[in-house]
Amino acid sequence: MDNLDTKIVGILQKDGRASNAGIAREVGVSEGTVRRRLKRLVDDQIINVVALLDPSRLGYSSEAIVGIQVDPDKIDDASETISDLDGVSWVVVTTGAYDIFACIAVESAEDLGNFLRHKLGSVTGVRRTETFVNLAVKKRSYGVSI
């Protein structure tokens, strides 16, 4: 990514609905240049265009980050299985005390308990979990700021 790509992506991170024409005016290039640059960034999978939901506005009042310890030979399979569970918005394989972290959004604390016991608890290889209930979300975005 060069400086122009960085400026284009920065504008989209602030306003994902920014038009190519508006971006072009802001960075001082033609709309065609912006269109070509964005196509390349998407085609090369450098950026993905997504809609970022706010679970709390959709009735999901219980959000948590769950640290998960897994049998070493089951980490890849477990992370894939966890990724497919309803209510899971992201899953990462990590180093440290936990092998996997997952972000969960469900409608209530009772639903969170059911998720932990019945869904996550039944994933092959899961040995232990620790749940960190979110008290407030201060920033909700994808990727890194550039």
C-alpha atoms as a PDB file:
ATOM      1  CA  MET A   1       0.000   0.000   0.000  1.00  0.00           C
ATOM      2  CA  ASP A   2       1.299   3.413  -0.881  1.00  0.00           C
ATOM      3  CA  ASN A   3       0.357   6.808   0.581  1.00  0.00           C
ATOM      4  CA  LEU A   4      -2.683   7.208  -1.700  1.00  0.00           C
ATOM      5  CA  ASP A   5      -4.039   3.771  -0.760  1.00  0.00           C
ATOM      6  CA  THR A   6      -3.555   4.646   2.900  1.00  0.00           C
ATOM      7  CA  LYS A   7      -5.530   7.877   2.503  1.00  0.00           C
ATOM      8  CA  ILE A   8      -8.356   6.096   0.653  1.00  0.00           C
ATOM      9  CA  VAL A   9      -8.592   3.352   3.274  1.00  0.00           C
ATOM     10  CA  GLY A  10      -8.457   5.922   6.087  1.00  0.00           C
ATOM     11  CA  ILE A  11     -11.458   7.753   4.637  1.00  0.00           C
ATOM     12  CA  LEU A  12     -13.405   4.504   4.301  1.00  0.00           C
ATOM     13  CA  GLN A  13     -12.573   3.533   7.886  1.00  0.00           C
ATOM     14  CA  LYS A  14     -14.201   6.763   9.057  1.00  0.00           C
ATOM     15  CA  ASP A  15     -17.148   6.546   6.637  1.00  0.00           C
ATOM     16  CA  GLY A  16     -17.658   3.214   4.905  1.00  0.00           C
ATOM     17  CA  ARG A  17     -20.352   4.796   2.740  1.00  0.00           C
ATOM     18  CA  ALA A  18     -18.058   7.448   1.258  1.00  0.00           C
ATOM     19  CA  SER A  19     -18.484   7.662  -2.505  1.00  0.00           C
ATOM     20  CA  ASN A  20     -15.619   7.215  -4.927  1.00  0.00           C
ATOM     21  CA  ALA A  21     -16.250  10.767  -6.168  1.00  0.00           C
ATOM     22  CA  GLY A  22     -16.098  12.164  -2.630  1.00  0.00           C
ATOM     23  CA  ILE A  23     -12.928  10.242  -1.848  1.00  0.00           C
ATOM     24  CA  ALA A  24     -11.373  11.431  -5.104  1.00  0.00           C
ATOM     25  CA  ARG A  25     -12.123  15.078  -4.247  1.00  0.00           C
ATOM     26  CA  GLU A  26     -10.665  14.660  -0.757  1.00  0.00           C
ATOM     27  CA  VAL A  27      -7.398  13.066  -1.895  1.00  0.00           C
ATOM     28  CA  GLY A  28      -7.011  15.053  -5.123  1.00  0.00           C
ATOM     29  CA  VAL A  29      -7.204  12.312  -7.772  1.00  0.00           C
ATOM     30  CA  SER A  30      -9.776  11.205 -10.335  1.00  0.00           C
ATOM     31  CA  GLU A  31     -12.768   9.037  -9.446  1.00  0.00           C
ATOM     32  CA  GLY A  32     -11.420   6.377 -11.835  1.00  0.00           C
ATOM     33  CA  THR A  33      -8.158   6.252  -9.898  1.00  0.00           C
ATOM     34  CA  VAL A  34     -10.048   5.699  -6.645  1.00  0.00           C
ATOM     35  CA  ARG A  35     -12.236   3.032  -8.270  1.00  0.00           C
ATOM     36  CA  ARG A  36      -9.186   1.159  -9.640  1.00  0.00           C
ATOM     37  CA  ARG A  37      -7.312   1.429  -6.344  1.00  0.00           C
ATOM     38  CA  LEU A  38     -10.294   0.121  -4.367  1.00  0.00           C
ATOM     39  CA  LYS A  39     -10.821  -2.749  -6.798  1.00  0.00           C
ATOM     40  CA  ARG A  40      -7.182  -3.785  -6.413  1.00  0.00           C
ATOM     41  CA  LEU A  41      -7.320  -3.509  -2.615  1.00  0.00           C
ATOM     42  CA  VAL A  42     -10.444  -5.687  -2.501  1.00  0.00           C
ATOM     43  CA  ASP A  43      -9.223  -8.172  -5.131  1.00  0.00           C
ATOM     44  CA  ASP A  44      -5.880  -8.557  -3.292  1.00  0.00           C
ATOM     45  CA  GLN A  45      -7.828  -9.056  -0.031  1.00  0.00           C
ATOM     46  CA  ILE A  46      -6.051  -6.143   1.616  1.00  0.00           C
ATOM     47  CA  ILE A  47      -9.445  -4.699   2.572  1.00  0.00           C
ATOM     48  CA  ASN A  48     -12.916  -6.138   2.922  1.00  0.00           C
ATOM     49  CA  VAL A  49     -16.055  -4.054   2.754  1.00  0.00           C
ATOM     50  CA  VAL A  50     -18.416  -5.052   5.571  1.00  0.00           C
ATOM     51  CA  ALA A  51     -21.285  -3.713   7.644  1.00  0.00           C
ATOM     52  CA  LEU A  52     -20.284  -3.509  11.312  1.00  0.00           C
ATOM     53  CA  LEU A  53     -23.235  -4.332  13.545  1.00  0.00           C
ATOM     54  CA  ASP A  54     -23.753  -3.048  17.070  1.00  0.00           C
ATOM     55  CA  PRO A  55     -25.162  -6.085  18.930  1.00  0.00           C
ATOM     56  CA  SER A  56     -26.620  -3.955  21.734  1.00  0.00           C
ATOM     57  CA  ARG A  57     -28.873  -2.145  19.246  1.00  0.00           C
ATOM     58  CA  LEU A  58     -30.121  -5.507  17.984  1.00  0.00           C
ATOM     59  CA  GLY A  59     -31.225  -6.742  21.398  1.00  0.00           C
ATOM     60  CA  TYR A  60     -28.050  -8.595  22.369  1.00  0.00           C
ATOM     61  CA  SER A  61     -27.516  -7.170  25.845  1.00  0.00           C
ATOM     62  CA  SER A  62     -24.863  -9.664  26.941  1.00  0.00           C
ATOM     63  CA  GLU A  63     -21.447  -9.545  25.309  1.00  0.00           C
ATOM     64  CA  ALA A  64     -18.351 -11.350  26.513  1.00  0.00           C
ATOM     65  CA  ILE A  65     -14.837 -12.308  25.545  1.00  0.00           C
ATOM     66  CA  VAL A  66     -14.062 -15.923  26.354  1.00  0.00           C
ATOM     67  CA  GLY A  67     -10.558 -17.277  26.883  1.00  0.00           C
ATOM     68  CA  ILE A  68     -10.474 -20.949  25.937  1.00  0.00           C
ATOM     69  CA  GLN A  69      -7.873 -23.595  26.753  1.00  0.00           C
ATOM     70  CA  VAL A  70      -7.855 -26.490  24.295  1.00  0.00           C
ATOM     71  CA  ASP A  71      -5.982 -29.763  23.934  1.00  0.00           C
ATOM     72  CA  PRO A  72      -2.932 -28.871  21.807  1.00  0.00           C
ATOM     73  CA  ASP A  73      -3.813 -31.276  18.990  1.00  0.00           C
ATOM     74  CA  LYS A  74      -7.377 -29.915  18.786  1.00  0.00           C
ATOM     75  CA  ILE A  75      -6.747 -26.156  18.535  1.00  0.00           C
ATOM     76  CA  ASP A  76      -7.368 -25.817  14.790  1.00  0.00           C
ATOM     77  CA  ASP A  77     -10.492 -27.989  14.775  1.00  0.00           C
ATOM     78  CA  ALA A  78     -11.864 -26.325  17.911  1.00  0.00           C
ATOM     79  CA  SER A  79     -11.300 -22.822  16.539  1.00  0.00           C
ATOM     80  CA  GLU A  80     -13.163 -23.745  13.336  1.00  0.00           C
ATOM     81  CA  THR A  81     -16.056 -25.266  15.290  1.00  0.00           C
ATOM     82  CA  ILE A  82     -16.271 -22.261  17.607  1.00  0.00           C
ATOM     83  CA  SER A  83     -16.229 -19.927  14.592  1.00  0.00           C
ATOM     84  CA  ASP A  84     -19.396 -21.609  13.313  1.00  0.00           C
ATOM     85  CA  LEU A  85     -21.384 -21.220  16.546  1.00  0.00           C
ATOM     86  CA  ASP A  86     -24.289 -18.752  16.575  1.00  0.00           C
ATOM     87  CA  GLY A  87     -23.460 -15.676  18.616  1.00  0.00           C
ATOM     88  CA  VAL A  88     -19.718 -15.728  17.903  1.00  0.00           C
ATOM     89  CA  SER A  89     -18.451 -12.619  16.100  1.00  0.00           C
ATOM     90  CA  TRP A  90     -14.688 -13.319  16.049  1.00  0.00           C
ATOM     91  CA  VAL A  91     -12.259 -16.049  17.002  1.00  0.00           C
ATOM     92  CA  VAL A  92      -8.483 -15.796  17.315  1.00  0.00           C
ATOM     93  CA  VAL A  93      -5.838 -18.413  18.067  1.00  0.00           C
ATOM     94  CA  THR A  94      -3.295 -16.965  20.471  1.00  0.00           C
ATOM     95  CA  THR A  95      -0.267 -17.647  22.630  1.00  0.00           C
ATOM     96  CA  GLY A  96      -0.249 -17.386  26.398  1.00  0.00           C
ATOM     97  CA  ALA A  97      -2.633 -18.734  29.023  1.00  0.00           C
ATOM     98  CA  TYR A  98      -5.432 -19.264  26.490  1.00  0.00           C
ATOM     99  CA  ASP A  99      -5.232 -20.966  23.119  1.00  0.00           C
ATOM    100  CA  ILE A 100      -8.308 -19.257  21.690  1.00  0.00           C
ATOM    101  CA  PHE A 101     -10.266 -16.092  22.394  1.00  0.00           C
ATOM    102  CA  ALA A 102     -13.825 -15.654  21.139  1.00  0.00           C
ATOM    103  CA  CYS A 103     -16.190 -12.708  21.275  1.00  0.00           C
ATOM    104  CA  ILE A 104     -19.792 -13.686  22.038  1.00  0.00           C
ATOM    105  CA  ALA A 105     -23.009 -11.640  21.805  1.00  0.00           C
ATOM    106  CA  VAL A 106     -26.291 -13.085  23.080  1.00  0.00           C
ATOM    107  CA  GLU A 107     -29.614 -11.698  24.256  1.00  0.00           C
ATOM    108  CA  SER A 108     -29.244 -12.227  28.005  1.00  0.00           C
ATOM    109  CA  ALA A 109     -26.963 -13.420  30.796  1.00  0.00           C
ATOM    110  CA  GLU A 110     -29.016 -16.626  30.889  1.00  0.00           C
ATOM    111  CA  ASP A 111     -28.332 -17.153  27.165  1.00  0.00           C
ATOM    112  CA  LEU A 112     -24.626 -16.573  27.820  1.00  0.00           C
ATOM    113  CA  GLY A 113     -24.670 -19.283  30.485  1.00  0.00           C
ATOM    114  CA  ASN A 114     -26.427 -21.678  28.118  1.00  0.00           C
ATOM    115  CA  PHE A 115     -23.954 -20.854  25.351  1.00  0.00           C
ATOM    116  CA  LEU A 116     -20.984 -21.559  27.631  1.00  0.00           C
ATOM    117  CA  ARG A 117     -22.364 -24.810  29.040  1.00  0.00           C
ATOM    118  CA  HIS A 118     -24.113 -26.333  26.050  1.00  0.00           C
ATOM    119  CA  LYS A 119     -22.456 -24.952  22.909  1.00  0.00           C
ATOM    120  CA  LEU A 120     -18.895 -24.084  23.856  1.00  0.00           C
ATOM    121  CA  GLY A 121     -18.720 -26.781  26.500  1.00  0.00           C
ATOM    122  CA  SER A 122     -19.499 -29.473  23.944  1.00  0.00           C
ATOM    123  CA  VAL A 123     -16.691 -28.521  21.530  1.00  0.00           C
ATOM    124  CA  THR A 124     -14.189 -31.382  21.306  1.00  0.00           C
ATOM    125  CA  GLY A 125     -10.882 -30.534  22.973  1.00  0.00           C
ATOM    126  CA  VAL A 126     -12.096 -27.623  25.117  1.00  0.00           C
ATOM    127  CA  ARG A 127     -10.595 -28.099  28.585  1.00  0.00           C
ATOM    128  CA  ARG A 128     -11.288 -24.812  30.349  1.00  0.00           C
ATOM    129  CA  THR A 129     -12.824 -21.423  29.695  1.00  0.00           C
ATOM    130  CA  GLU A 130     -12.745 -18.061  31.420  1.00  0.00           C
ATOM    131  CA  THR A 131     -15.433 -15.548  30.561  1.00  0.00           C
ATOM    132  CA  PHE A 132     -14.890 -11.797  30.642  1.00  0.00           C
ATOM    133  CA  VAL A 133     -18.288 -10.073  30.513  1.00  0.00           C
ATOM    134  CA  ASN A 134     -18.160  -6.721  28.742  1.00  0.00           C
ATOM    135  CA  LEU A 135     -19.371  -3.875  30.953  1.00  0.00           C
ATOM    136  CA  ALA A 136     -19.068  -1.236  28.221  1.00  0.00           C
ATOM    137  CA  VAL A 137     -17.790  -1.208  24.642  1.00  0.00           C
ATOM    138  CA  LYS A 138     -15.697   1.914  24.073  1.00  0.00           C
ATOM    139  CA  LYS A 139     -14.637   1.222  20.479  1.00  0.00           C
ATOM    140  CA  ARG A 140     -16.122  -1.087  17.890  1.00  0.00           C
ATOM    141  CA  SER A 141     -14.251  -1.350  14.597  1.00  0.00           C
ATOM    142  CA  TYR A 142     -12.405  -3.706  12.320  1.00  0.00           C
ATOM    143  CA  GLY A 143      -8.740  -3.698  11.578  1.00  0.00           C
ATOM    144  CA  VAL A 144      -6.163  -1.147  12.552  1.00  0.00           C
ATOM    145  CA  SER A 145      -6.207   2.592  12.199  1.00  0.00           C
ATOM    146  CA  ILE A 146      -3.749   3.769   9.577  1.00  0.00           C
END
